C-alpha atoms as a PDB file:
ATOM      1  CA  MET A   1     -10.384  26.208   0.469  1.00  0.00           C
ATOM      2  CA  ALA A   2      -7.797  27.008  -2.164  1.00  0.00           C
ATOM      3  CA  THR A   3      -8.057  24.921  -5.388  1.00  0.00           C
ATOM      4  CA  ARG A   4      -5.001  23.751  -7.120  1.00  0.00           C
ATOM      5  CA  PRO A   5      -4.581  25.247 -10.740  1.00  0.00           C
ATOM      6  CA  ASP A   6      -4.861  21.774 -12.328  1.00  0.00           C
ATOM      7  CA  SER A   7      -7.880  20.647 -10.332  1.00  0.00           C
ATOM      8  CA  ALA A   8     -10.296  21.902 -12.985  1.00  0.00           C
ATOM      9  CA  TRP A   9      -9.034  19.235 -15.291  1.00  0.00           C
ATOM     10  CA  LEU A  10      -9.751  16.539 -12.662  1.00  0.00           C
ATOM     11  CA  THR A  11     -13.464  16.186 -13.546  1.00  0.00           C
ATOM     12  CA  PRO A  12     -15.395  12.968 -12.797  1.00  0.00           C
ATOM     13  CA  HIS A  13     -15.832  12.295 -16.527  1.00  0.00           C
ATOM     14  CA  ARG A  14     -12.030  12.662 -17.303  1.00  0.00           C
ATOM     15  CA  LEU A  15     -10.954  10.710 -14.374  1.00  0.00           C
ATOM     16  CA  MET A  16     -13.323   7.769 -15.110  1.00  0.00           C
ATOM     17  CA  ALA A  17     -12.055   7.777 -18.681  1.00  0.00           C
ATOM     18  CA  THR A  18      -8.442   7.731 -17.359  1.00  0.00           C
ATOM     19  CA  SER A  19      -9.391   4.871 -15.042  1.00  0.00           C
ATOM     20  CA  ILE A  20     -10.551   2.815 -17.993  1.00  0.00           C
ATOM     21  CA  ALA A  21      -7.229   3.262 -19.757  1.00  0.00           C
ATOM     22  CA  VAL A  22      -5.218   2.508 -16.645  1.00  0.00           C
ATOM     23  CA  ALA A  23      -7.378  -0.555 -15.989  1.00  0.00           C
ATOM     24  CA  VAL A  24      -6.836  -1.884 -19.485  1.00  0.00           C
ATOM     25  CA  LEU A  25      -3.027  -1.396 -19.185  1.00  0.00           C
ATOM     26  CA  THR A  26      -2.758  -3.039 -15.765  1.00  0.00           C
ATOM     27  CA  LEU A  27      -4.866  -5.959 -16.938  1.00  0.00           C
ATOM     28  CA  GLY A  28      -2.382  -6.589 -19.718  1.00  0.00           C
ATOM     29  CA  PHE A  29       0.493  -6.407 -17.214  1.00  0.00           C
ATOM     30  CA  LYS A  30      -1.132  -8.795 -14.757  1.00  0.00           C
ATOM     31  CA  THR A  31      -2.305 -11.235 -17.413  1.00  0.00           C
ATOM     32  CA  LEU A  32       1.213 -11.396 -18.748  1.00  0.00           C
ATOM     33  CA  ALA A  33       2.552 -11.887 -15.217  1.00  0.00           C
ATOM     34  CA  TRP A  34       0.176 -14.788 -14.579  1.00  0.00           C
ATOM     35  CA  TRP A  35       0.980 -16.327 -17.987  1.00  0.00           C
ATOM     36  CA  LEU A  36       4.777 -16.147 -17.294  1.00  0.00           C
ATOM     37  CA  THR A  37       4.543 -17.515 -13.717  1.00  0.00           C
ATOM     38  CA  GLY A  38       1.462 -19.713 -13.517  1.00  0.00           C
ATOM     39  CA  SER A  39       0.688 -18.165 -10.076  1.00  0.00           C
ATOM     40  CA  VAL A  40      -2.885 -18.322  -9.114  1.00  0.00           C
ATOM     41  CA  GLY A  41      -2.281 -15.313  -6.874  1.00  0.00           C
ATOM     42  CA  LEU A  42      -1.385 -13.302 -10.036  1.00  0.00           C
ATOM     43  CA  LEU A  43      -4.394 -14.792 -11.760  1.00  0.00           C
ATOM     44  CA  SER A  44      -6.513 -13.418  -8.899  1.00  0.00           C
ATOM     45  CA  ASP A  45      -4.896  -9.997  -9.315  1.00  0.00           C
ATOM     46  CA  ALA A  46      -5.707 -10.145 -13.143  1.00  0.00           C
ATOM     47  CA  LEU A  47      -9.281 -11.069 -12.444  1.00  0.00           C
ATOM     48  CA  GLU A  48      -9.646  -7.991 -10.221  1.00  0.00           C
ATOM     49  CA  SER A  49      -8.245  -5.812 -12.985  1.00  0.00           C
ATOM     50  CA  LEU A  50     -10.853  -7.264 -15.395  1.00  0.00           C
ATOM     51  CA  VAL A  51     -13.428  -6.089 -12.846  1.00  0.00           C
ATOM     52  CA  ASN A  52     -11.743  -2.669 -12.899  1.00  0.00           C
ATOM     53  CA  VAL A  53     -12.230  -2.341 -16.607  1.00  0.00           C
ATOM     54  CA  ALA A  54     -15.962  -3.245 -16.370  1.00  0.00           C
ATOM     55  CA  GLY A  55     -16.566  -1.089 -13.346  1.00  0.00           C
ATOM     56  CA  ALA A  56     -14.764   1.990 -14.776  1.00  0.00           C
ATOM     57  CA  THR A  57     -16.675   1.667 -18.028  1.00  0.00           C
ATOM     58  CA  PHE A  58     -20.056   1.505 -16.225  1.00  0.00           C
ATOM     59  CA  GLY A  59     -18.902   4.325 -13.903  1.00  0.00           C
ATOM     60  CA  LEU A  60     -18.068   6.549 -16.933  1.00  0.00           C
ATOM     61  CA  TRP A  61     -21.517   5.903 -18.225  1.00  0.00           C
ATOM     62  CA  MET A  62     -23.204   6.782 -14.929  1.00  0.00           C
ATOM     63  CA  VAL A  63     -21.147   9.927 -14.462  1.00  0.00           C
ATOM     64  CA  THR A  64     -22.192  10.999 -17.903  1.00  0.00           C
ATOM     65  CA  VAL A  65     -25.872  10.376 -17.075  1.00  0.00           C
ATOM     66  CA  ALA A  66     -25.561  12.147 -13.703  1.00  0.00           C
ATOM     67  CA  ALA A  67     -24.208  15.264 -15.385  1.00  0.00           C
ATOM     68  CA  ARG A  68     -27.361  15.683 -17.446  1.00  0.00           C
ATOM     69  CA  PRO A  69     -29.563  18.641 -16.538  1.00  0.00           C
ATOM     70  CA  ALA A  70     -33.012  18.136 -14.957  1.00  0.00           C
ATOM     71  CA  ASP A  71     -35.746  17.411 -17.454  1.00  0.00           C
ATOM     72  CA  GLU A  72     -39.515  16.808 -17.479  1.00  0.00           C
ATOM     73  CA  ASP A  73     -39.159  13.194 -16.412  1.00  0.00           C
ATOM     74  CA  HIS A  74     -36.435  13.833 -13.891  1.00  0.00           C
ATOM     75  CA  PRO A  75     -37.157  17.349 -12.387  1.00  0.00           C
ATOM     76  CA  PHE A  76     -34.674  16.815  -9.579  1.00  0.00           C
ATOM     77  CA  GLY A  77     -31.816  15.871 -11.984  1.00  0.00           C
ATOM     78  CA  HIS A  78     -30.027  12.588 -12.653  1.00  0.00           C
ATOM     79  CA  ASP A  79     -27.400  12.781  -9.937  1.00  0.00           C
ATOM     80  CA  LYS A  80     -28.364   9.515  -8.209  1.00  0.00           C
ATOM     81  CA  ALA A  81     -27.090   7.614 -11.250  1.00  0.00           C
ATOM     82  CA  GLU A  82     -23.623   7.624  -9.505  1.00  0.00           C
ATOM     83  CA  TYR A  83     -24.974   5.325  -6.817  1.00  0.00           C
ATOM     84  CA  PHE A  84     -25.719   2.697  -9.378  1.00  0.00           C
ATOM     85  CA  SER A  85     -22.147   2.924 -10.499  1.00  0.00           C
ATOM     86  CA  SER A  86     -20.853   2.337  -6.930  1.00  0.00           C
ATOM     87  CA  GLY A  87     -23.334  -0.469  -6.277  1.00  0.00           C
ATOM     88  CA  PHE A  88     -22.458  -2.248  -9.615  1.00  0.00           C
ATOM     89  CA  GLU A  89     -18.738  -1.940  -8.848  1.00  0.00           C
ATOM     90  CA  GLY A  90     -19.369  -3.457  -5.422  1.00  0.00           C
ATOM     91  CA  ILE A  91     -21.234  -6.357  -6.984  1.00  0.00           C
ATOM     92  CA  LEU A  92     -18.400  -6.921  -9.465  1.00  0.00           C
ATOM     93  CA  ILE A  93     -15.876  -6.913  -6.692  1.00  0.00           C
ATOM     94  CA  ILE A  94     -17.734  -9.670  -4.843  1.00  0.00           C
ATOM     95  CA  VAL A  95     -18.017 -11.763  -8.082  1.00  0.00           C
ATOM     96  CA  ALA A  96     -14.241 -11.375  -8.561  1.00  0.00           C
ATOM     97  CA  ALA A  97     -13.552 -12.455  -4.924  1.00  0.00           C
ATOM     98  CA  LEU A  98     -15.634 -15.585  -5.440  1.00  0.00           C
ATOM     99  CA  ALA A  99     -13.819 -16.302  -8.694  1.00  0.00           C
ATOM    100  CA  ILE A 100     -10.496 -15.865  -6.993  1.00  0.00           C
ATOM    101  CA  VAL A 101     -11.458 -18.453  -4.222  1.00  0.00           C
ATOM    102  CA  TRP A 102     -12.752 -20.858  -6.971  1.00  0.00           C
ATOM    103  CA  ALA A 103      -9.436 -20.659  -8.787  1.00  0.00           C
ATOM    104  CA  ALA A 104      -7.239 -20.885  -5.684  1.00  0.00           C
ATOM    105  CA  LEU A 105      -8.824 -23.901  -3.883  1.00  0.00           C
ATOM    106  CA  PRO A 106      -7.651 -26.576  -6.263  1.00  0.00           C
ATOM    107  CA  ARG A 107      -4.079 -25.434  -5.852  1.00  0.00           C
ATOM    108  CA  PHE A 108      -4.129 -26.546  -2.207  1.00  0.00           C
ATOM    109  CA  TRP A 109      -4.696 -30.137  -3.267  1.00  0.00           C
ATOM    110  CA  HIS A 110      -2.598 -29.963  -6.506  1.00  0.00           C
ATOM    111  CA  PRO A 111       0.332 -27.412  -5.847  1.00  0.00           C
ATOM    112  CA  GLN A 112       2.312 -26.415  -8.955  1.00  0.00           C
ATOM    113  CA  PRO A 113       5.728 -24.943  -9.242  1.00  0.00           C
ATOM    114  CA  LEU A 114       5.929 -21.332 -10.367  1.00  0.00           C
ATOM    115  CA  GLN A 115       8.091 -20.055 -13.199  1.00  0.00           C
ATOM    116  CA  GLN A 116       9.862 -16.788 -14.081  1.00  0.00           C
ATOM    117  CA  LEU A 117       8.809 -15.061 -10.786  1.00  0.00           C
ATOM    118  CA  GLY A 118      11.189 -12.131 -11.319  1.00  0.00           C
ATOM    119  CA  PRO A 119       9.359 -10.686 -14.334  1.00  0.00           C
ATOM    120  CA  GLY A 120       6.009 -11.481 -12.856  1.00  0.00           C
ATOM    121  CA  LEU A 121       6.802  -9.681  -9.616  1.00  0.00           C
ATOM    122  CA  ALA A 122       8.070  -6.658 -11.606  1.00  0.00           C
ATOM    123  CA  LEU A 123       4.856  -6.411 -13.693  1.00  0.00           C
ATOM    124  CA  SER A 124       2.729  -6.786 -10.546  1.00  0.00           C
ATOM    125  CA  VAL A 125       4.517  -3.953  -8.782  1.00  0.00           C
ATOM    126  CA  LEU A 126       4.249  -1.664 -11.832  1.00  0.00           C
ATOM    127  CA  SER A 127       0.581  -2.305 -11.894  1.00  0.00           C
ATOM    128  CA  ALA A 128       0.220  -1.543  -8.176  1.00  0.00           C
ATOM    129  CA  VAL A 129       2.040   1.730  -8.591  1.00  0.00           C
ATOM    130  CA  LEU A 130      -0.175   2.816 -11.414  1.00  0.00           C
ATOM    131  CA  ASN A 131      -3.426   1.870  -9.534  1.00  0.00           C
ATOM    132  CA  GLY A 132      -2.188   3.402  -6.303  1.00  0.00           C
ATOM    133  CA  ALA A 133      -1.414   6.741  -7.937  1.00  0.00           C
ATOM    134  CA  LEU A 134      -4.717   6.965  -9.842  1.00  0.00           C
ATOM    135  CA  GLY A 135      -6.652   5.743  -6.786  1.00  0.00           C
ATOM    136  CA  TRP A 136      -5.143   8.433  -4.582  1.00  0.00           C
ATOM    137  CA  ILE A 137      -5.942  11.131  -7.058  1.00  0.00           C
ATOM    138  CA  MET A 138      -9.558   9.925  -7.665  1.00  0.00           C
ATOM    139  CA  LEU A 139     -10.194   9.709  -3.902  1.00  0.00           C
ATOM    140  CA  ARG A 140      -9.134  13.240  -3.406  1.00  0.00           C
ATOM    141  CA  ALA A 141     -11.217  14.384  -6.340  1.00  0.00           C
ATOM    142  CA  SER A 142     -14.321  12.344  -5.097  1.00  0.00           C
ATOM    143  CA  ARG A 143     -14.305  14.429  -1.875  1.00  0.00           C
ATOM    144  CA  ARG A 144     -14.041  17.710  -3.807  1.00  0.00           C
ATOM    145  CA  HIS A 145     -16.802  16.717  -6.205  1.00  0.00           C
ATOM    146  CA  ARG A 146     -18.760  14.632  -3.724  1.00  0.00           C
ATOM    147  CA  SER A 147     -18.920  11.947  -6.333  1.00  0.00           C
ATOM    148  CA  MET A 148     -19.907   8.470  -5.254  1.00  0.00           C
ATOM    149  CA  ALA A 149     -18.888   6.963  -8.620  1.00  0.00           C
ATOM    150  CA  LEU A 150     -15.354   8.375  -8.241  1.00  0.00           C
ATOM    151  CA  GLU A 151     -15.087   7.232  -4.619  1.00  0.00           C
ATOM    152  CA  GLY A 152     -16.283   3.713  -5.585  1.00  0.00           C
ATOM    153  CA  ASP A 153     -13.713   3.319  -8.341  1.00  0.00           C
ATOM    154  CA  ALA A 154     -10.961   4.918  -6.209  1.00  0.00           C
ATOM    155  CA  ARG A 155     -11.536   2.512  -3.309  1.00  0.00           C
ATOM    156  CA  HIS A 156     -11.595  -0.411  -5.744  1.00  0.00           C
ATOM    157  CA  LEU A 157      -8.243   0.667  -7.123  1.00  0.00           C
ATOM    158  CA  ILE A 158      -6.784   1.064  -3.558  1.00  0.00           C
ATOM    159  CA  THR A 159      -8.093  -2.412  -2.722  1.00  0.00           C
ATOM    160  CA  ASP A 160      -6.407  -3.652  -5.876  1.00  0.00           C
ATOM    161  CA  VAL A 161      -3.085  -2.161  -4.574  1.00  0.00           C
ATOM    162  CA  TRP A 162      -3.428  -4.169  -1.363  1.00  0.00           C
ATOM    163  CA  THR A 163      -4.346  -7.228  -3.382  1.00  0.00           C
ATOM    164  CA  SER A 164      -1.169  -6.845  -5.481  1.00  0.00           C
ATOM    165  CA  ALA A 165       0.861  -6.291  -2.308  1.00  0.00           C
ATOM    166  CA  GLY A 166      -0.467  -9.442  -0.767  1.00  0.00           C
ATOM    167  CA  VAL A 167       0.270 -11.382  -4.056  1.00  0.00           C
ATOM    168  CA  VAL A 168       3.848 -10.098  -4.269  1.00  0.00           C
ATOM    169  CA  LEU A 169       4.420 -10.935  -0.507  1.00  0.00           C
ATOM    170  CA  GLY A 170       3.084 -14.474  -1.208  1.00  0.00           C
ATOM    171  CA  LEU A 171       5.320 -14.967  -4.222  1.00  0.00           C
ATOM    172  CA  LEU A 172       8.299 -13.818  -2.293  1.00  0.00           C
ATOM    173  CA  LEU A 173       7.576 -16.373   0.484  1.00  0.00           C
ATOM    174  CA  VAL A 174       7.253 -19.059  -2.187  1.00  0.00           C
ATOM    175  CA  MET A 175      10.681 -18.057  -3.564  1.00  0.00           C
ATOM    176  CA  ALA A 176      12.193 -18.079  -0.063  1.00  0.00           C
ATOM    177  CA  THR A 177      10.638 -21.262   1.320  1.00  0.00           C
ATOM    178  CA  GLY A 178       9.506 -23.366  -1.594  1.00  0.00           C
ATOM    179  CA  TRP A 179       6.119 -23.682   0.017  1.00  0.00           C
ATOM    180  CA  HIS A 180       3.743 -23.592  -3.054  1.00  0.00           C
ATOM    181  CA  TRP A 181       0.610 -23.685  -0.943  1.00  0.00           C
ATOM    182  CA  VAL A 182       1.342 -20.114   0.124  1.00  0.00           C
ATOM    183  CA  ASP A 183       0.355 -18.881  -3.343  1.00  0.00           C
ATOM    184  CA  PRO A 184      -3.275 -20.074  -3.167  1.00  0.00           C
ATOM    185  CA  ALA A 185      -3.482 -19.164   0.586  1.00  0.00           C
ATOM    186  CA  VAL A 186      -2.622 -15.498  -0.122  1.00  0.00           C
ATOM    187  CA  ALA A 187      -5.062 -15.504  -3.068  1.00  0.00           C
ATOM    188  CA  ILE A 188      -7.896 -16.475  -0.742  1.00  0.00           C
ATOM    189  CA  VAL A 189      -7.002 -13.952   1.950  1.00  0.00           C
ATOM    190  CA  MET A 190      -6.893 -11.175  -0.671  1.00  0.00           C
ATOM    191  CA  ALA A 191     -10.303 -12.425  -1.940  1.00  0.00           C
ATOM    192  CA  LEU A 192     -11.793 -12.088   1.578  1.00  0.00           C
ATOM    193  CA  ASN A 193     -10.340  -8.536   1.794  1.00  0.00           C
ATOM    194  CA  ILE A 194     -11.884  -7.386  -1.522  1.00  0.00           C
ATOM    195  CA  LEU A 195     -15.137  -9.256  -0.593  1.00  0.00           C
ATOM    196  CA  PHE A 196     -15.363  -6.916   2.415  1.00  0.00           C
ATOM    197  CA  GLU A 197     -14.649  -3.858   0.351  1.00  0.00           C
ATOM    198  CA  GLY A 198     -17.339  -4.856  -2.124  1.00  0.00           C
ATOM    199  CA  GLY A 199     -19.897  -5.127   0.619  1.00  0.00           C
ATOM    200  CA  GLN A 200     -19.034  -1.725   1.928  1.00  0.00           C
ATOM    201  CA  LEU A 201     -19.607  -0.243  -1.500  1.00  0.00           C
ATOM    202  CA  ILE A 202     -22.949  -1.792  -1.923  1.00  0.00           C
ATOM    203  CA  TRP A 203     -24.006  -0.605   1.436  1.00  0.00           C
ATOM    204  CA  ARG A 204     -23.035   2.960   0.855  1.00  0.00           C
ATOM    205  CA  SER A 205     -24.718   3.101  -2.562  1.00  0.00           C
ATOM    206  CA  THR A 206     -27.977   1.772  -1.077  1.00  0.00           C
ATOM    207  CA  GLN A 207     -27.871   4.395   1.622  1.00  0.00           C
ATOM    208  CA  GLY A 208     -27.636   7.118  -1.055  1.00  0.00           C
ATOM    209  CA  LEU A 209     -30.504   5.595  -3.022  1.00  0.00           C
ATOM    210  CA  MET A 210     -32.551   5.667   0.154  1.00  0.00           C
ATOM    211  CA  ASP A 211     -32.197   9.496   0.524  1.00  0.00           C
ATOM    212  CA  ALA A 212     -29.807   9.493   3.460  1.00  0.00           C
ATOM    213  CA  ALA A 213     -29.319  12.824   5.254  1.00  0.00           C
ATOM    214  CA  VAL A 214     -26.287  14.955   4.484  1.00  0.00           C
ATOM    215  CA  GLU A 215     -23.053  14.274   6.389  1.00  0.00           C
ATOM    216  CA  PRO A 216     -22.737  15.647  10.016  1.00  0.00           C
ATOM    217  CA  GLU A 217     -20.218  18.291   8.995  1.00  0.00           C
ATOM    218  CA  VAL A 218     -22.446  19.555   6.320  1.00  0.00           C
ATOM    219  CA  GLN A 219     -25.385  19.723   8.642  1.00  0.00           C
ATOM    220  CA  ALA A 220     -23.224  21.645  11.079  1.00  0.00           C
ATOM    221  CA  GLN A 221     -22.587  24.273   8.441  1.00  0.00           C
ATOM    222  CA  VAL A 222     -26.339  24.566   7.811  1.00  0.00           C
ATOM    223  CA  ASP A 223     -27.033  24.924  11.562  1.00  0.00           C
ATOM    224  CA  ALA A 224     -24.340  27.696  11.856  1.00  0.00           C
ATOM    225  CA  VAL A 225     -25.827  29.701   9.009  1.00  0.00           C
ATOM    226  CA  VAL A 226     -29.355  29.304  10.324  1.00  0.00           C
ATOM    227  CA  GLY A 227     -28.138  30.389  13.935  1.00  0.00           C
ATOM    228  CA  ARG A 228     -26.533  33.494  12.589  1.00  0.00           C
ATOM    229  CA  PHE A 229     -29.608  34.344  10.528  1.00  0.00           C
ATOM    230  CA  VAL A 230     -31.869  34.055  13.544  1.00  0.00           C
ATOM    231  CA  GLN A 231     -29.512  36.128  15.714  1.00  0.00           C
ATOM    232  CA  ALA A 232     -29.498  38.814  13.038  1.00  0.00           C
ATOM    233  CA  GLN A 233     -33.387  38.925  13.224  1.00  0.00           C
ATOM    234  CA  ALA A 234     -33.484  39.434  16.953  1.00  0.00           C
ATOM    235  CA  ALA A 235     -35.795  42.414  16.430  1.00  0.00           C
ATOM    236  CA  THR A 236     -38.550  40.072  15.261  1.00  0.00           C
ATOM    237  CA  PRO A 237     -39.953  38.406  18.398  1.00  0.00           C
ATOM    238  CA  GLY A 238     -40.645  34.620  18.052  1.00  0.00           C
ATOM    239  CA  LEU A 239     -39.070  34.228  14.655  1.00  0.00           C
ATOM    240  CA  ARG A 240     -37.697  30.699  14.269  1.00  0.00           C
ATOM    241  CA  VAL A 241     -36.497  28.211  11.722  1.00  0.00           C
ATOM    242  CA  ASP A 242     -37.273  24.486  12.314  1.00  0.00           C
ATOM    243  CA  HIS A 243     -38.098  21.115  10.777  1.00  0.00           C
ATOM    244  CA  ALA A 244     -35.044  20.996   8.687  1.00  0.00           C
ATOM    245  CA  MET A 245     -34.804  17.950   6.422  1.00  0.00           C
ATOM    246  CA  SER A 246     -31.826  17.222   4.222  1.00  0.00           C
ATOM    247  CA  ARG A 247     -30.885  14.592   1.713  1.00  0.00           C
ATOM    248  CA  ARG A 248     -27.975  13.916  -0.681  1.00  0.00           C
ATOM    249  CA  ALA A 249     -28.336  12.874  -4.308  1.00  0.00           C
ATOM    250  CA  GLY A 250     -24.989  12.366  -5.631  1.00  0.00           C
ATOM    251  CA  GLN A 251     -23.243  15.746  -5.879  1.00  0.00           C
ATOM    252  CA  ARG A 252     -26.355  17.714  -5.069  1.00  0.00           C
ATOM    253  CA  LEU A 253     -27.715  18.511  -1.589  1.00  0.00           C
ATOM    254  CA  PHE A 254     -31.369  19.278  -0.832  1.00  0.00           C
ATOM    255  CA  LEU A 255     -32.666  21.139   2.214  1.00  0.00           C
ATOM    256  CA  SER A 256     -36.170  22.042   3.186  1.00  0.00           C
ATOM    257  CA  VAL A 257     -36.886  24.216   6.282  1.00  0.00           C
ATOM    258  CA  HIS A 258     -39.840  26.049   7.846  1.00  0.00           C
ATOM    259  CA  LEU A 259     -39.484  29.834   8.454  1.00  0.00           C
ATOM    260  CA  HIS A 260     -41.915  31.054  10.966  1.00  0.00           C
ATOM    261  CA  LEU A 261     -42.846  34.831  10.941  1.00  0.00           C
ATOM    262  CA  PRO A 262     -45.490  37.100  12.499  1.00  0.00           C
ATOM    263  CA  ALA A 263     -48.900  36.424  10.939  1.00  0.00           C
ATOM    264  CA  ASP A 264     -49.434  40.181  10.196  1.00  0.00           C
ATOM    265  CA  TRP A 265     -46.462  40.397   7.841  1.00  0.00           C
ATOM    266  CA  SER A 266     -47.179  41.006   4.174  1.00  0.00           C
ATOM    267  CA  LEU A 267     -46.262  38.231   1.727  1.00  0.00           C
ATOM    268  CA  ARG A 268     -43.716  40.448   0.101  1.00  0.00           C
ATOM    269  CA  ARG A 269     -41.913  41.118   3.449  1.00  0.00           C
ATOM    270  CA  ALA A 270     -41.926  37.470   4.367  1.00  0.00           C
ATOM    271  CA  ALA A 271     -40.667  36.399   0.871  1.00  0.00           C
ATOM    272  CA  ALA A 272     -37.856  38.982   1.179  1.00  0.00           C
ATOM    273  CA  LEU A 273     -36.665  37.577   4.481  1.00  0.00           C
ATOM    274  CA  GLY A 274     -36.908  34.037   3.139  1.00  0.00           C
ATOM    275  CA  GLY A 275     -34.716  35.095   0.211  1.00  0.00           C
ATOM    276  CA  GLU A 276     -32.118  36.434   2.717  1.00  0.00           C
ATOM    277  CA  LEU A 277     -31.942  33.005   4.404  1.00  0.00           C
ATOM    278  CA  GLU A 278     -31.700  31.198   1.051  1.00  0.00           C
ATOM    279  CA  ARG A 279     -28.882  33.387  -0.073  1.00  0.00           C
ATOM    280  CA  ALA A 280     -26.994  32.891   3.213  1.00  0.00           C
ATOM    281  CA  LEU A 281     -27.251  29.159   2.909  1.00  0.00           C
ATOM    282  CA  LEU A 282     -26.166  29.183  -0.797  1.00  0.00           C
ATOM    283  CA  ALA A 283     -23.170  31.359   0.130  1.00  0.00           C
ATOM    284  CA  ALA A 284     -21.913  28.642   2.542  1.00  0.00           C
ATOM    285  CA  LEU A 285     -22.926  25.667   0.435  1.00  0.00           C
ATOM    286  CA  PRO A 286     -23.203  26.548  -3.364  1.00  0.00           C
ATOM    287  CA  GLN A 287     -24.344  22.977  -4.228  1.00  0.00           C
ATOM    288  CA  LEU A 288     -27.400  23.254  -1.903  1.00  0.00           C
ATOM    289  CA  HIS A 289     -30.918  23.258  -3.301  1.00  0.00           C
ATOM    290  CA  VAL A 290     -33.056  25.094  -0.655  1.00  0.00           C
ATOM    291  CA  SER A 291     -36.777  24.917  -0.156  1.00  0.00           C
ATOM    292  CA  ILE A 292     -38.196  27.368   2.441  1.00  0.00           C
ATOM    293  CA  GLN A 293     -41.775  27.152   3.562  1.00  0.00           C
ATOM    294  CA  LEU A 294     -43.100  30.421   5.054  1.00  0.00           C
ATOM    295  CA  LEU A 295     -45.511  29.977   7.952  1.00  0.00           C
ATOM    296  CA  PRO A 296     -47.129  32.139  10.648  1.00  0.00           C
ATOM    297  CA  LEU A 297     -45.680  31.784  14.105  1.00  0.00           C
ATOM    298  CA  ASP A 298     -48.617  29.695  15.459  1.00  0.00           C
ATOM    299  CA  THR A 299     -49.002  27.451  12.372  1.00  0.00           C
ATOM    300  CA  GLU A 300     -47.670  24.071  11.359  1.00  0.00           C
ATOM    301  CA  PRO A 301     -48.461  22.172   8.214  1.00  0.00           C
ATOM    302  CA  ALA A 302     -50.837  19.175   8.596  1.00  0.00           C
ATOM    303  CA  GLY A 303     -49.001  16.116  10.094  1.00  0.00           C
ATOM    304  CA  VAL A 304     -46.023  18.098  11.366  1.00  0.00           C
ATOM    305  CA  PRO A 305     -45.462  18.205  15.119  1.00  0.00           C
ATOM    306  CA  ALA A 306     -45.831  21.591  16.819  1.00  0.00           C
ATOM    307  CA  ALA A 307     -42.733  23.421  17.876  1.00  0.00           C
ATOM    308  CA  GLY A 308     -41.187  21.867  20.956  1.00  0.00           C
ATOM    309  CA  GLU A 309     -42.318  18.319  20.011  1.00  0.00           C
ATOM    310  CA  GLU A 310     -39.482  17.778  17.582  1.00  0.00           C
ATOM    311  CA  ASP A 311     -35.895  19.008  17.449  1.00  0.00           C
ATOM    312  CA  ALA A 312     -35.583  22.494  15.680  1.00  0.00           C
ATOM    313  CA  CYS A 313     -32.726  24.024  13.914  1.00  0.00           C
ATOM    314  CA  THR A 314     -32.612  26.799  16.421  1.00  0.00           C
ATOM    315  CA  PRO A 315     -33.587  27.189  20.100  1.00  0.00           C
END
């Protein structure tokens, strides 16, 4: 896939730093909008921006940790730190949603007239534009870098855009109808929406921490490479690759497979063929960390089902 010339600048670290700056700016806009209007809907929007600041700051920390190289205490690297960022942001989103409901409920029983709606709406729309543009850029970058921290922050920003849109719609309805109860009602609906988004982020981060398998499209790439490799070794009767196990840790992918070869092969010859398979996999997926166990055709490690009892990579 072609890479845009400016894509090298869009690193997770720089994007998270930019997210902090934008979050602080939009928090100022939304707080001013709430102060001008007295709208509980705009207060809810400002509370979510406060969460953006905290989430992006923690995300920057976790992205920095994830970029550290492997060391003696963490021989597989620090990539999983990104999942803590996503989970933390999900928890903050849920807390913000509950705070919004808490602030909005009293307005049903004690409606209050709103002031200076024009400037407040303008500030809210400007904040939504900033968050929407940054969220779109970060979501695209998260797919390229396979960064859970970026994805979590991007989805939060996009959720913030929908929250702002709902608040603006509610304020327009108040202006058109004079129904002041619409303002807290919209705030509660937006709170339920971001509550769902927070739950989704927490779920995805826990799946990553539990060593979930790689995505189906990535597994399909692995299967295709293995299939071509086995076909190229058709002169070796019985050769097979099976018991593939994969997991994702942040931006890194781990794969272990068994390569079964004739028992009378020398270790040098077997290792050379295993190296060919590893190079083929890395050519297709450079972020992959491959572990290949070399075994005779009629041997399986202890506790592993024999061929035919479990799905293999190749027929």
